[in-house]
N, C-alpha and C. Protein backbone atom coordinates (compact mmCIF):
# COMPACT_ATOMS: atom_id res chain seq x y z
N MET A 1 -36.49 4.90 24.29
CA MET A 1 -37.23 4.21 23.51
C MET A 1 -37.64 4.83 22.14
N ASN A 2 -38.17 5.92 22.30
CA ASN A 2 -38.60 6.77 21.44
C ASN A 2 -37.42 7.04 20.39
N VAL A 3 -36.20 7.21 20.71
CA VAL A 3 -35.25 7.57 19.85
C VAL A 3 -34.85 6.51 19.05
N LEU A 4 -35.10 5.32 19.49
CA LEU A 4 -34.88 3.98 18.71
C LEU A 4 -35.80 3.96 17.65
N ASN A 5 -37.10 4.11 18.00
CA ASN A 5 -38.24 4.17 16.88
C ASN A 5 -37.82 5.02 15.77
N GLU A 6 -37.21 6.33 16.22
CA GLU A 6 -37.03 7.45 15.13
C GLU A 6 -35.78 6.98 14.08
N TRP A 7 -34.95 6.37 14.80
CA TRP A 7 -33.87 5.71 13.84
C TRP A 7 -34.02 4.50 13.35
N ALA A 8 -35.17 3.78 13.53
CA ALA A 8 -35.20 2.30 13.09
C ALA A 8 -35.26 2.33 11.51
N PHE A 9 -35.79 3.31 10.94
CA PHE A 9 -35.75 3.34 9.55
C PHE A 9 -34.49 3.51 8.90
N VAL A 10 -33.43 4.18 9.66
CA VAL A 10 -32.06 4.35 9.11
C VAL A 10 -31.43 2.95 9.29
N GLY A 11 -31.64 2.16 10.13
CA GLY A 11 -30.98 0.92 10.30
C GLY A 11 -31.67 -0.06 9.41
N ILE A 12 -32.93 -0.07 9.01
CA ILE A 12 -33.52 -0.85 8.06
C ILE A 12 -33.06 -0.53 6.74
N PHE A 13 -32.87 0.91 6.47
CA PHE A 13 -32.26 1.15 5.05
C PHE A 13 -30.86 0.78 5.13
N ALA A 14 -30.03 0.85 6.12
CA ALA A 14 -28.63 0.48 6.07
C ALA A 14 -28.41 -1.22 5.79
N VAL A 15 -29.36 -1.91 6.38
CA VAL A 15 -29.63 -3.39 5.93
C VAL A 15 -29.87 -3.65 4.64
N LEU A 16 -31.11 -2.85 4.25
CA LEU A 16 -31.69 -3.38 2.93
C LEU A 16 -30.98 -2.60 1.68
N ALA A 17 -29.93 -1.51 1.93
CA ALA A 17 -29.71 -0.81 0.82
C ALA A 17 -28.78 -1.59 -0.14
N PRO A 18 -27.67 -2.53 0.44
CA PRO A 18 -26.82 -3.25 -0.24
C PRO A 18 -27.51 -4.31 -1.13
N VAL A 19 -28.69 -4.79 -0.60
CA VAL A 19 -29.44 -5.84 -1.39
C VAL A 19 -29.97 -5.44 -2.69
N PHE A 20 -30.32 -4.21 -2.82
CA PHE A 20 -30.90 -3.72 -4.01
C PHE A 20 -29.96 -3.66 -5.33
N PRO A 21 -28.75 -3.36 -5.21
CA PRO A 21 -27.72 -3.43 -6.22
C PRO A 21 -27.22 -4.85 -6.50
N ILE A 22 -27.10 -5.50 -5.27
CA ILE A 22 -26.63 -6.97 -5.47
C ILE A 22 -27.58 -7.90 -5.99
N LEU A 23 -28.84 -7.89 -5.58
CA LEU A 23 -29.72 -8.88 -5.89
C LEU A 23 -30.01 -8.85 -7.45
N PRO A 24 -30.01 -7.84 -8.31
CA PRO A 24 -30.06 -7.91 -9.78
C PRO A 24 -28.82 -8.84 -10.43
N ILE A 25 -27.66 -8.41 -9.78
CA ILE A 25 -26.36 -8.94 -10.37
C ILE A 25 -26.54 -10.68 -10.14
N VAL A 26 -26.89 -11.08 -8.73
CA VAL A 26 -27.03 -12.32 -8.59
C VAL A 26 -28.08 -12.90 -9.38
N ILE A 27 -29.08 -12.49 -9.50
CA ILE A 27 -30.23 -12.88 -10.44
C ILE A 27 -29.82 -13.07 -11.97
N ALA A 28 -29.23 -12.04 -12.48
CA ALA A 28 -28.67 -12.07 -13.80
C ALA A 28 -27.60 -13.10 -14.07
N SER A 29 -26.78 -13.24 -13.07
CA SER A 29 -25.49 -14.47 -13.18
C SER A 29 -26.07 -15.72 -13.02
N ILE A 30 -27.22 -15.90 -12.43
CA ILE A 30 -27.89 -17.29 -12.43
C ILE A 30 -28.68 -17.67 -13.58
N LEU A 31 -29.45 -16.53 -14.22
CA LEU A 31 -30.26 -16.66 -15.37
C LEU A 31 -29.61 -16.80 -16.76
N ARG A 32 -28.57 -16.25 -16.84
CA ARG A 32 -27.67 -15.89 -18.00
C ARG A 32 -27.55 -17.08 -18.63
N PRO A 33 -27.26 -17.10 -19.94
CA PRO A 33 -26.96 -18.17 -20.73
C PRO A 33 -25.36 -18.24 -20.77
N LYS A 34 -24.59 -19.45 -20.40
CA LYS A 34 -23.43 -19.74 -20.28
C LYS A 34 -23.02 -20.58 -21.38
N MET A 35 -22.42 -19.90 -22.47
CA MET A 35 -21.89 -20.52 -23.50
C MET A 35 -20.56 -19.82 -23.90
N PRO A 36 -19.41 -20.04 -23.19
CA PRO A 36 -18.26 -19.34 -23.51
C PRO A 36 -17.63 -19.87 -24.75
N ASN A 37 -16.87 -19.19 -25.25
CA ASN A 37 -16.16 -19.41 -26.52
C ASN A 37 -14.91 -18.44 -26.85
N VAL A 38 -13.97 -18.94 -27.95
CA VAL A 38 -12.77 -18.11 -28.07
C VAL A 38 -13.09 -16.76 -28.36
N LEU A 39 -14.17 -16.70 -29.32
CA LEU A 39 -14.46 -15.50 -29.96
C LEU A 39 -15.08 -14.34 -28.78
N LYS A 40 -15.64 -14.81 -27.91
CA LYS A 40 -16.14 -13.90 -27.05
C LYS A 40 -15.12 -13.31 -25.90
N SER A 41 -14.19 -13.98 -25.90
CA SER A 41 -13.03 -13.44 -25.12
C SER A 41 -11.95 -12.77 -25.61
N GLN A 42 -12.14 -12.61 -26.95
CA GLN A 42 -11.33 -11.68 -27.77
C GLN A 42 -11.44 -10.11 -27.49
N THR A 43 -10.20 -9.45 -27.64
CA THR A 43 -10.60 -7.84 -27.30
C THR A 43 -11.09 -7.06 -28.67
N TYR A 44 -12.00 -6.17 -28.40
CA TYR A 44 -12.56 -5.81 -29.66
C TYR A 44 -12.94 -4.15 -29.17
N GLU A 45 -13.19 -3.27 -30.06
CA GLU A 45 -13.29 -1.88 -29.71
C GLU A 45 -14.40 -1.46 -30.74
N CYS A 46 -15.58 -1.37 -29.97
CA CYS A 46 -16.76 -0.66 -30.97
C CYS A 46 -17.11 -1.85 -31.99
N GLY A 47 -16.99 -2.87 -31.77
CA GLY A 47 -17.47 -3.97 -32.53
C GLY A 47 -16.33 -4.35 -33.89
N VAL A 48 -15.42 -3.71 -33.71
CA VAL A 48 -14.35 -3.93 -34.66
C VAL A 48 -13.12 -4.58 -34.09
N GLU A 49 -12.42 -5.57 -34.77
CA GLU A 49 -11.29 -6.27 -34.35
C GLU A 49 -10.28 -5.33 -34.17
N THR A 50 -9.42 -5.55 -33.25
CA THR A 50 -8.30 -4.58 -33.15
C THR A 50 -7.11 -5.02 -33.93
N ILE A 51 -6.49 -4.21 -34.51
CA ILE A 51 -4.96 -4.34 -35.33
C ILE A 51 -4.06 -4.07 -34.54
N GLY A 52 -3.07 -4.71 -34.21
CA GLY A 52 -1.78 -4.32 -33.62
C GLY A 52 -2.07 -4.62 -32.11
N ASP A 53 -1.26 -4.02 -31.32
CA ASP A 53 -1.26 -3.96 -29.85
C ASP A 53 -2.63 -3.40 -29.29
N THR A 54 -3.36 -4.05 -28.56
CA THR A 54 -4.52 -3.71 -27.89
C THR A 54 -4.35 -2.69 -26.60
N TRP A 55 -3.31 -2.71 -25.99
CA TRP A 55 -3.04 -1.87 -24.86
C TRP A 55 -2.31 -0.89 -25.31
N VAL A 56 -3.25 0.24 -25.60
CA VAL A 56 -2.59 1.58 -26.12
C VAL A 56 -2.78 2.60 -24.88
N GLN A 57 -1.69 3.25 -24.51
CA GLN A 57 -1.66 4.23 -23.63
C GLN A 57 -1.97 5.51 -23.94
N PHE A 58 -3.04 6.22 -23.34
CA PHE A 58 -3.49 7.48 -23.71
C PHE A 58 -2.64 8.62 -23.20
N ARG A 59 -2.57 9.73 -23.68
CA ARG A 59 -1.74 10.67 -23.18
C ARG A 59 -2.50 11.40 -21.94
N VAL A 60 -1.93 11.82 -21.07
CA VAL A 60 -2.46 12.39 -20.00
C VAL A 60 -3.35 13.68 -20.40
N GLN A 61 -2.90 14.27 -21.39
CA GLN A 61 -3.59 15.46 -21.95
C GLN A 61 -5.10 15.35 -22.05
N TYR A 62 -5.54 14.08 -22.51
CA TYR A 62 -6.93 13.72 -22.45
C TYR A 62 -7.68 13.84 -21.11
N TYR A 63 -7.04 13.43 -20.26
CA TYR A 63 -7.60 13.49 -18.89
C TYR A 63 -7.48 14.78 -18.30
N ILE A 64 -6.57 15.62 -18.65
CA ILE A 64 -6.64 17.02 -18.22
C ILE A 64 -7.73 17.70 -18.74
N TYR A 65 -7.84 17.68 -20.04
CA TYR A 65 -9.05 18.25 -20.77
C TYR A 65 -10.48 17.89 -20.03
N GLY A 66 -10.63 16.58 -19.70
CA GLY A 66 -11.81 15.84 -18.93
C GLY A 66 -11.85 16.56 -17.75
N LEU A 67 -10.82 16.71 -16.80
CA LEU A 67 -10.82 17.30 -15.49
C LEU A 67 -11.39 18.92 -15.64
N VAL A 68 -10.90 19.59 -16.56
CA VAL A 68 -10.81 20.93 -16.74
C VAL A 68 -12.50 21.09 -17.10
N PHE A 69 -13.00 20.20 -18.06
CA PHE A 69 -14.42 20.14 -18.31
C PHE A 69 -15.30 20.01 -17.16
N LEU A 70 -14.84 18.96 -16.23
CA LEU A 70 -15.61 18.71 -15.23
C LEU A 70 -15.68 19.80 -14.20
N VAL A 71 -14.56 20.44 -13.87
CA VAL A 71 -14.69 21.55 -12.96
C VAL A 71 -15.56 22.57 -13.36
N PHE A 72 -15.59 23.01 -14.54
CA PHE A 72 -16.47 24.18 -15.06
C PHE A 72 -17.86 23.89 -15.23
N ASP A 73 -18.19 22.41 -15.52
CA ASP A 73 -19.21 21.92 -15.47
C ASP A 73 -20.12 21.81 -14.08
N VAL A 74 -19.24 21.62 -13.10
CA VAL A 74 -19.68 21.62 -11.76
C VAL A 74 -19.93 23.19 -11.15
N GLU A 75 -19.07 23.99 -11.76
CA GLU A 75 -19.16 25.41 -11.29
C GLU A 75 -20.56 25.95 -11.85
N ILE A 76 -21.02 25.50 -12.93
CA ILE A 76 -22.23 25.86 -13.40
C ILE A 76 -23.47 25.29 -12.75
N VAL A 77 -23.31 24.16 -12.12
CA VAL A 77 -24.30 23.58 -11.25
C VAL A 77 -24.37 24.43 -9.86
N PHE A 78 -23.12 25.02 -9.44
CA PHE A 78 -23.06 25.91 -8.19
C PHE A 78 -23.60 27.25 -8.46
N LEU A 79 -23.31 27.80 -9.85
CA LEU A 79 -23.50 29.04 -10.11
C LEU A 79 -24.93 29.31 -10.41
N LEU A 80 -25.78 28.49 -10.97
CA LEU A 80 -27.01 28.51 -11.42
C LEU A 80 -27.92 29.03 -10.36
N PRO A 81 -28.00 28.28 -9.19
CA PRO A 81 -29.17 28.99 -8.16
C PRO A 81 -28.49 30.37 -7.86
N TRP A 82 -27.26 30.59 -7.63
CA TRP A 82 -26.77 31.78 -7.26
C TRP A 82 -27.22 33.02 -8.34
N ALA A 83 -27.16 32.72 -9.61
CA ALA A 83 -27.62 33.56 -10.80
C ALA A 83 -28.90 33.82 -10.63
N LEU A 84 -29.72 32.70 -10.38
CA LEU A 84 -31.23 32.84 -10.40
C LEU A 84 -31.76 33.69 -9.20
N ALA A 85 -31.01 33.64 -8.12
CA ALA A 85 -31.53 34.32 -6.76
C ALA A 85 -30.54 35.64 -6.77
N TYR A 86 -29.91 36.24 -7.81
CA TYR A 86 -29.01 37.14 -7.81
C TYR A 86 -29.71 38.41 -7.19
N HIS A 87 -30.94 38.85 -7.60
CA HIS A 87 -31.57 39.92 -7.17
C HIS A 87 -31.95 40.05 -5.50
N GLN A 88 -32.01 38.59 -5.16
CA GLN A 88 -32.50 38.62 -3.72
C GLN A 88 -31.11 38.45 -2.58
N LEU A 89 -30.07 38.49 -3.19
CA LEU A 89 -28.96 38.12 -2.33
C LEU A 89 -28.51 39.28 -1.46
N ASP A 90 -27.93 38.89 -0.54
CA ASP A 90 -27.30 39.98 0.66
C ASP A 90 -25.86 40.02 0.17
N LEU A 91 -25.32 40.93 0.55
CA LEU A 91 -23.97 41.32 0.29
C LEU A 91 -22.81 40.17 0.55
N PHE A 92 -23.26 39.52 1.50
CA PHE A 92 -22.12 38.32 1.81
C PHE A 92 -22.21 37.29 0.49
N ALA A 93 -23.65 36.91 0.38
CA ALA A 93 -23.74 35.93 -0.82
C ALA A 93 -23.40 36.32 -2.05
N PHE A 94 -23.42 37.68 -2.43
CA PHE A 94 -22.83 38.33 -3.49
C PHE A 94 -21.42 38.17 -3.46
N GLY A 95 -20.64 38.52 -2.53
CA GLY A 95 -19.42 38.52 -2.37
C GLY A 95 -18.74 37.06 -2.46
N ALA A 96 -19.43 36.05 -1.90
CA ALA A 96 -19.20 34.61 -1.96
C ALA A 96 -19.20 34.13 -3.35
N GLY A 97 -20.23 34.54 -4.06
CA GLY A 97 -20.29 34.08 -5.44
C GLY A 97 -19.28 34.72 -6.21
N PHE A 98 -18.80 35.96 -6.18
CA PHE A 98 -17.70 36.25 -6.74
C PHE A 98 -16.44 35.86 -6.42
N LEU A 99 -16.18 35.64 -5.20
CA LEU A 99 -15.12 34.86 -4.81
C LEU A 99 -14.82 33.54 -5.43
N PHE A 100 -16.04 32.71 -5.54
CA PHE A 100 -15.98 31.59 -6.22
C PHE A 100 -15.48 31.65 -7.58
N ILE A 101 -16.21 32.60 -8.41
CA ILE A 101 -15.82 32.70 -9.81
C ILE A 101 -14.45 33.21 -9.93
N PHE A 102 -13.91 34.08 -8.99
CA PHE A 102 -12.30 34.65 -9.01
C PHE A 102 -11.71 33.45 -8.74
N LEU A 103 -11.74 32.37 -7.99
CA LEU A 103 -10.99 31.41 -7.68
C LEU A 103 -10.87 30.57 -9.02
N LEU A 104 -12.04 30.27 -9.54
CA LEU A 104 -12.16 29.39 -10.56
C LEU A 104 -11.37 29.99 -11.65
N ALA A 105 -11.52 31.22 -12.05
CA ALA A 105 -10.82 32.02 -13.06
C ALA A 105 -9.26 31.91 -12.84
N ASP A 106 -9.01 32.10 -11.54
CA ASP A 106 -7.69 32.01 -11.10
C ASP A 106 -7.18 30.74 -11.32
N ALA A 107 -7.65 29.58 -11.24
CA ALA A 107 -7.16 28.42 -11.27
C ALA A 107 -7.18 28.11 -13.12
N LEU A 108 -7.97 28.68 -13.95
CA LEU A 108 -8.00 28.57 -15.22
C LEU A 108 -6.71 29.30 -15.69
N ILE A 109 -6.40 30.42 -15.23
CA ILE A 109 -5.26 31.17 -15.61
C ILE A 109 -4.18 30.38 -15.14
N TYR A 110 -3.97 29.84 -14.05
CA TYR A 110 -2.84 29.14 -13.69
C TYR A 110 -2.34 28.02 -14.71
N ALA A 111 -3.63 27.18 -15.03
CA ALA A 111 -3.52 26.16 -15.90
C ALA A 111 -3.00 26.60 -17.21
N TRP A 112 -3.37 27.73 -17.68
CA TRP A 112 -3.21 28.25 -18.99
C TRP A 112 -1.64 28.64 -19.03
N ARG A 113 -1.28 29.27 -17.99
CA ARG A 113 0.26 29.74 -17.73
C ARG A 113 1.19 28.59 -17.77
N LYS A 114 0.61 27.45 -17.10
CA LYS A 114 1.42 26.20 -17.05
C LYS A 114 1.55 25.47 -18.35
N ASP A 115 0.97 25.84 -19.29
CA ASP A 115 0.68 25.00 -20.44
C ASP A 115 -0.08 23.72 -20.53
N VAL A 116 -0.66 23.74 -19.43
CA VAL A 116 -1.64 22.46 -19.32
C VAL A 116 -2.53 22.54 -20.42
N LEU A 117 -3.20 23.45 -20.88
CA LEU A 117 -4.18 23.35 -21.79
C LEU A 117 -3.68 23.43 -23.30
N ALA A 118 -2.25 23.53 -23.32
CA ALA A 118 -1.64 23.68 -24.76
C ALA A 118 -1.49 22.34 -25.29
N TRP A 119 -2.23 21.92 -26.63
CA TRP A 119 -2.32 20.85 -27.27
C TRP A 119 -0.83 20.52 -27.92
N LYS A 120 -0.25 19.68 -27.44
CA LYS A 120 1.19 19.34 -28.10
C LYS A 120 1.33 18.16 -28.85
């Protein structure tokens, strides 16, 4: 019985957690003004009407640059605590940090040699 009391808050959270994102959406859909017209359903970008075909296919190169940026951005998040505690690290943590840096550098060199980062 004591275990159930300890896990009761997890059950309550699991039941109530979906309510918090869904409730504002439902309230907004009920309270919003509903005045549809043709102008609102037209495609626009940055407030400017499009000229020509609105379905433009972006090159994969843009996504590759975004992914590479994301990888190195996340790398900084992982390396910052390691760098701040640099003087208190034991040999294992020191080696693990340098292994992490080595693997990311290896991935960057691999992408560079495959001409993934070359803008064509």
